[in-house]
Amino acid sequence: MEVLLKVTDTVRNLRETKLSGLRPLSEFFDYQRLSKPADLNQATTRISYNTRYFSGNYLLIVVLLAIYAVFMNYWLLISLAFLVGGFALINKYAPEATQFGEHTITQKHLYAGLFIIGIPLFFWAGPFATFFSVVFCSGLCIFVHAAILEPGVESDYAAIQENV
């Protein structure tokens, strides 16, 4: 129960801090502000500003790409469901030791069986390839968007406020 409360608090905190800064889609996909940067210095300036300004939108892109990648990798989805579901079922239905014939099966035995089957299944599913594909795809999307989108008029005022 404590873990569920911590997860709930973490999700609420994330929503209040990061996702509260979501910019409207009309601003995020403003095709009139798209242009090729003149040089690397201008691209770096745009990336620096846009990654801070659209941080909530970029976080949402990373989360959506991660969810998509997990759902497209069926073995990874099955192995995660097996591990998480097995852990939950063992906690719920087997808190005490059970006598099965001459053998006593404890929670420790059940966890060992779960991990002996689940961990190799998880690594066979290719979690590292999925992770790095999400990192690469989201990084590419974010950096290209941040580099070609001209900062709005408010970026000029942000520089003035930093100097004051």
C-alpha atoms as a PDB file:
ATOM      1  CA  MET A   1       0.000   0.000   0.000  1.00  0.00           C
ATOM      2  CA  GLU A   2       2.882   2.359   0.782  1.00  0.00           C
ATOM      3  CA  VAL A   3       4.379   1.764  -2.654  1.00  0.00           C
ATOM      4  CA  LEU A   4       1.079   2.637  -4.339  1.00  0.00           C
ATOM      5  CA  LEU A   5       0.887   5.880  -2.358  1.00  0.00           C
ATOM      6  CA  LYS A   6       4.459   6.780  -3.318  1.00  0.00           C
ATOM      7  CA  VAL A   7       3.735   6.088  -6.998  1.00  0.00           C
ATOM      8  CA  THR A   8       0.558   8.161  -6.827  1.00  0.00           C
ATOM      9  CA  ASP A   9       2.415  11.045  -5.171  1.00  0.00           C
ATOM     10  CA  THR A  10       5.208  10.844  -7.744  1.00  0.00           C
ATOM     11  CA  VAL A  11       2.741  10.905 -10.654  1.00  0.00           C
ATOM     12  CA  ARG A  12       0.856  13.828  -9.105  1.00  0.00           C
ATOM     13  CA  ASN A  13       4.111  15.719  -8.515  1.00  0.00           C
ATOM     14  CA  LEU A  14       5.226  15.052 -12.108  1.00  0.00           C
ATOM     15  CA  ARG A  15       1.886  16.258 -13.444  1.00  0.00           C
ATOM     16  CA  GLU A  16       2.005  19.425 -11.348  1.00  0.00           C
ATOM     17  CA  THR A  17       5.608  20.320 -12.195  1.00  0.00           C
ATOM     18  CA  LYS A  18       6.380  19.113 -15.717  1.00  0.00           C
ATOM     19  CA  LEU A  19       3.059  18.607 -17.457  1.00  0.00           C
ATOM     20  CA  SER A  20       1.601  21.863 -16.165  1.00  0.00           C
ATOM     21  CA  GLY A  21       4.020  23.573 -18.557  1.00  0.00           C
ATOM     22  CA  LEU A  22       2.462  21.997 -21.649  1.00  0.00           C
ATOM     23  CA  ARG A  23       2.218  24.522 -24.449  1.00  0.00           C
ATOM     24  CA  PRO A  24      -0.791  24.516 -26.790  1.00  0.00           C
ATOM     25  CA  LEU A  25      -0.494  22.390 -29.926  1.00  0.00           C
ATOM     26  CA  SER A  26      -1.086  25.464 -32.104  1.00  0.00           C
ATOM     27  CA  GLU A  27       2.075  26.973 -30.628  1.00  0.00           C
ATOM     28  CA  PHE A  28       4.036  23.715 -30.700  1.00  0.00           C
ATOM     29  CA  PHE A  29       3.178  23.046 -34.374  1.00  0.00           C
ATOM     30  CA  ASP A  30       3.308  26.663 -35.591  1.00  0.00           C
ATOM     31  CA  TYR A  31       4.465  26.068 -39.164  1.00  0.00           C
ATOM     32  CA  GLN A  32       4.833  29.826 -39.811  1.00  0.00           C
ATOM     33  CA  ARG A  33       7.777  29.948 -37.380  1.00  0.00           C
ATOM     34  CA  LEU A  34       9.663  27.084 -39.051  1.00  0.00           C
ATOM     35  CA  SER A  35      12.918  28.028 -40.720  1.00  0.00           C
ATOM     36  CA  LYS A  36      16.363  26.635 -41.292  1.00  0.00           C
ATOM     37  CA  PRO A  37      18.876  28.051 -38.802  1.00  0.00           C
ATOM     38  CA  ALA A  38      21.531  30.239 -40.429  1.00  0.00           C
ATOM     39  CA  ASP A  39      24.462  28.639 -38.603  1.00  0.00           C
ATOM     40  CA  LEU A  40      25.344  26.323 -35.747  1.00  0.00           C
ATOM     41  CA  ASN A  41      25.285  29.162 -33.210  1.00  0.00           C
ATOM     42  CA  GLN A  42      21.693  30.039 -34.073  1.00  0.00           C
ATOM     43  CA  ALA A  43      20.692  26.353 -33.986  1.00  0.00           C
ATOM     44  CA  THR A  44      22.289  25.975 -30.557  1.00  0.00           C
ATOM     45  CA  THR A  45      20.474  29.056 -29.279  1.00  0.00           C
ATOM     46  CA  ARG A  46      17.152  27.783 -30.603  1.00  0.00           C
ATOM     47  CA  ILE A  47      17.677  24.327 -29.124  1.00  0.00           C
ATOM     48  CA  SER A  48      18.611  25.816 -25.753  1.00  0.00           C
ATOM     49  CA  TYR A  49      15.545  28.049 -25.629  1.00  0.00           C
ATOM     50  CA  ASN A  50      13.002  25.625 -27.121  1.00  0.00           C
ATOM     51  CA  THR A  51      14.000  22.689 -24.931  1.00  0.00           C
ATOM     52  CA  ARG A  52      13.308  24.799 -21.846  1.00  0.00           C
ATOM     53  CA  TYR A  53      10.169  26.417 -23.262  1.00  0.00           C
ATOM     54  CA  PHE A  54       8.584  23.200 -24.601  1.00  0.00           C
ATOM     55  CA  SER A  55       9.939  20.843 -21.911  1.00  0.00           C
ATOM     56  CA  GLY A  56       6.474  19.536 -21.026  1.00  0.00           C
ATOM     57  CA  ASN A  57       5.658  18.821 -24.670  1.00  0.00           C
ATOM     58  CA  TYR A  58       8.991  17.074 -25.176  1.00  0.00           C
ATOM     59  CA  LEU A  59       8.460  14.963 -22.056  1.00  0.00           C
ATOM     60  CA  LEU A  60       5.089  13.934 -23.439  1.00  0.00           C
ATOM     61  CA  ILE A  61       6.755  12.926 -26.733  1.00  0.00           C
ATOM     62  CA  VAL A  62       9.272  10.747 -24.888  1.00  0.00           C
ATOM     63  CA  VAL A  63       6.538   9.082 -22.814  1.00  0.00           C
ATOM     64  CA  LEU A  64       4.330   8.433 -25.851  1.00  0.00           C
ATOM     65  CA  LEU A  65       7.252   6.993 -27.833  1.00  0.00           C
ATOM     66  CA  ALA A  66       8.176   4.747 -24.883  1.00  0.00           C
ATOM     67  CA  ILE A  67       4.605   3.469 -24.572  1.00  0.00           C
ATOM     68  CA  TYR A  68       4.463   2.870 -28.325  1.00  0.00           C
ATOM     69  CA  ALA A  69       7.782   1.001 -28.275  1.00  0.00           C
ATOM     70  CA  VAL A  70       6.699  -1.267 -25.422  1.00  0.00           C
ATOM     71  CA  PHE A  71       3.390  -2.077 -27.112  1.00  0.00           C
ATOM     72  CA  MET A  72       5.119  -2.812 -30.414  1.00  0.00           C
ATOM     73  CA  ASN A  73       7.583  -5.197 -28.751  1.00  0.00           C
ATOM     74  CA  TYR A  74       5.168  -7.967 -27.810  1.00  0.00           C
ATOM     75  CA  TRP A  75       7.752 -10.086 -26.000  1.00  0.00           C
ATOM     76  CA  LEU A  76       8.762  -7.152 -23.840  1.00  0.00           C
ATOM     77  CA  LEU A  77       5.126  -6.439 -23.048  1.00  0.00           C
ATOM     78  CA  ILE A  78       4.502 -10.103 -22.164  1.00  0.00           C
ATOM     79  CA  SER A  79       7.623 -10.319 -19.989  1.00  0.00           C
ATOM     80  CA  LEU A  80       6.789  -7.099 -18.136  1.00  0.00           C
ATOM     81  CA  ALA A  81       3.211  -8.268 -17.592  1.00  0.00           C
ATOM     82  CA  PHE A  82       4.529 -11.638 -16.364  1.00  0.00           C
ATOM     83  CA  LEU A  83       6.963 -10.071 -13.894  1.00  0.00           C
ATOM     84  CA  VAL A  84       4.661  -7.338 -12.579  1.00  0.00           C
ATOM     85  CA  GLY A  85       1.595  -9.595 -12.538  1.00  0.00           C
ATOM     86  CA  GLY A  86       3.491 -12.419 -10.868  1.00  0.00           C
ATOM     87  CA  PHE A  87       4.849 -10.084  -8.226  1.00  0.00           C
ATOM     88  CA  ALA A  88       1.353  -8.722  -7.523  1.00  0.00           C
ATOM     89  CA  LEU A  89      -0.224 -12.173  -7.411  1.00  0.00           C
ATOM     90  CA  ILE A  90       2.422 -13.540  -5.058  1.00  0.00           C
ATOM     91  CA  ASN A  91       1.959 -10.569  -2.718  1.00  0.00           C
ATOM     92  CA  LYS A  92      -1.826 -10.896  -2.781  1.00  0.00           C
ATOM     93  CA  TYR A  93      -2.447 -14.646  -2.693  1.00  0.00           C
ATOM     94  CA  ALA A  94       0.640 -16.176  -1.084  1.00  0.00           C
ATOM     95  CA  PRO A  95       1.674 -14.135   1.954  1.00  0.00           C
ATOM     96  CA  GLU A  96       2.204 -17.230   4.127  1.00  0.00           C
ATOM     97  CA  ALA A  97       3.934 -20.527   3.460  1.00  0.00           C
ATOM     98  CA  THR A  98       1.784 -23.232   1.858  1.00  0.00           C
ATOM     99  CA  GLN A  99       2.086 -26.962   2.429  1.00  0.00           C
ATOM    100  CA  PHE A 100       2.014 -28.869  -0.870  1.00  0.00           C
ATOM    101  CA  GLY A 101       2.348 -32.565  -0.161  1.00  0.00           C
ATOM    102  CA  GLU A 102       5.601 -33.014   1.721  1.00  0.00           C
ATOM    103  CA  HIS A 103       6.989 -29.690   0.515  1.00  0.00           C
ATOM    104  CA  THR A 104       6.538 -26.266   2.060  1.00  0.00           C
ATOM    105  CA  ILE A 105       6.382 -23.477  -0.499  1.00  0.00           C
ATOM    106  CA  THR A 106       7.220 -20.033   0.839  1.00  0.00           C
ATOM    107  CA  GLN A 107       7.006 -16.618  -0.739  1.00  0.00           C
ATOM    108  CA  LYS A 108      10.764 -16.767  -1.266  1.00  0.00           C
ATOM    109  CA  HIS A 109      10.396 -19.925  -3.390  1.00  0.00           C
ATOM    110  CA  LEU A 110       7.668 -18.310  -5.486  1.00  0.00           C
ATOM    111  CA  TYR A 111       9.771 -15.195  -6.085  1.00  0.00           C
ATOM    112  CA  ALA A 112      12.747 -17.342  -7.052  1.00  0.00           C
ATOM    113  CA  GLY A 113      10.610 -19.229  -9.588  1.00  0.00           C
ATOM    114  CA  LEU A 114       9.183 -15.991 -10.928  1.00  0.00           C
ATOM    115  CA  PHE A 115      12.617 -14.453 -11.414  1.00  0.00           C
ATOM    116  CA  ILE A 116      14.182 -17.631 -12.833  1.00  0.00           C
ATOM    117  CA  ILE A 117      11.562 -17.594 -15.596  1.00  0.00           C
ATOM    118  CA  GLY A 118      10.868 -13.859 -15.861  1.00  0.00           C
ATOM    119  CA  ILE A 119      14.362 -12.339 -15.981  1.00  0.00           C
ATOM    120  CA  PRO A 120      15.634 -14.443 -18.933  1.00  0.00           C
ATOM    121  CA  LEU A 121      12.331 -13.814 -20.722  1.00  0.00           C
ATOM    122  CA  PHE A 122      12.744 -10.097 -20.103  1.00  0.00           C
ATOM    123  CA  PHE A 123      16.319 -10.006 -21.450  1.00  0.00           C
ATOM    124  CA  TRP A 124      15.351 -12.176 -24.426  1.00  0.00           C
ATOM    125  CA  ALA A 125      12.710  -9.552 -25.320  1.00  0.00           C
ATOM    126  CA  GLY A 126      15.415  -6.956 -26.019  1.00  0.00           C
ATOM    127  CA  PRO A 127      14.809  -4.158 -23.514  1.00  0.00           C
ATOM    128  CA  PHE A 128      18.098  -2.424 -24.336  1.00  0.00           C
ATOM    129  CA  ALA A 129      17.319  -2.173 -28.048  1.00  0.00           C
ATOM    130  CA  THR A 130      13.893  -0.787 -27.200  1.00  0.00           C
ATOM    131  CA  PHE A 131      15.362   1.699 -24.724  1.00  0.00           C
ATOM    132  CA  PHE A 132      17.998   2.979 -27.148  1.00  0.00           C
ATOM    133  CA  SER A 133      15.501   3.213 -30.009  1.00  0.00           C
ATOM    134  CA  VAL A 134      13.252   5.373 -27.804  1.00  0.00           C
ATOM    135  CA  VAL A 135      16.224   7.542 -26.798  1.00  0.00           C
ATOM    136  CA  PHE A 136      17.367   7.948 -30.406  1.00  0.00           C
ATOM    137  CA  CYS A 137      13.921   8.617 -31.893  1.00  0.00           C
ATOM    138  CA  SER A 138      12.826  11.041 -29.192  1.00  0.00           C
ATOM    139  CA  GLY A 139      16.184  12.826 -29.249  1.00  0.00           C
ATOM    140  CA  LEU A 140      16.013  13.191 -33.023  1.00  0.00           C
ATOM    141  CA  CYS A 141      12.436  14.513 -32.918  1.00  0.00           C
ATOM    142  CA  ILE A 142      13.197  16.931 -30.102  1.00  0.00           C
ATOM    143  CA  PHE A 143      16.429  18.322 -31.534  1.00  0.00           C
ATOM    144  CA  VAL A 144      15.046  18.729 -35.051  1.00  0.00           C
ATOM    145  CA  HIS A 145      11.907  20.458 -33.774  1.00  0.00           C
ATOM    146  CA  ALA A 146      13.878  22.670 -31.397  1.00  0.00           C
ATOM    147  CA  ALA A 147      16.393  23.619 -34.093  1.00  0.00           C
ATOM    148  CA  ILE A 148      13.949  24.562 -36.859  1.00  0.00           C
ATOM    149  CA  LEU A 149      11.335  26.368 -34.734  1.00  0.00           C
ATOM    150  CA  GLU A 150      12.121  30.029 -34.288  1.00  0.00           C
ATOM    151  CA  PRO A 151      11.643  31.248 -30.716  1.00  0.00           C
ATOM    152  CA  GLY A 152       8.649  33.496 -30.175  1.00  0.00           C
ATOM    153  CA  VAL A 153       8.696  37.142 -29.230  1.00  0.00           C
ATOM    154  CA  GLU A 154       8.693  36.188 -25.529  1.00  0.00           C
ATOM    155  CA  SER A 155      12.236  34.817 -25.929  1.00  0.00           C
ATOM    156  CA  ASP A 156      13.558  38.360 -26.364  1.00  0.00           C
ATOM    157  CA  TYR A 157      12.008  39.349 -23.049  1.00  0.00           C
ATOM    158  CA  ALA A 158      13.405  36.233 -21.332  1.00  0.00           C
ATOM    159  CA  ALA A 159      16.943  37.388 -22.165  1.00  0.00           C
ATOM    160  CA  ILE A 160      16.222  40.832 -20.714  1.00  0.00           C
ATOM    161  CA  GLN A 161      14.796  39.338 -17.492  1.00  0.00           C
ATOM    162  CA  GLU A 162      17.901  37.175 -17.017  1.00  0.00           C
ATOM    163  CA  ASN A 163      20.176  40.218 -17.238  1.00  0.00           C
ATOM    164  CA  VAL A 164      18.214  42.232 -14.675  1.00  0.00           C
END
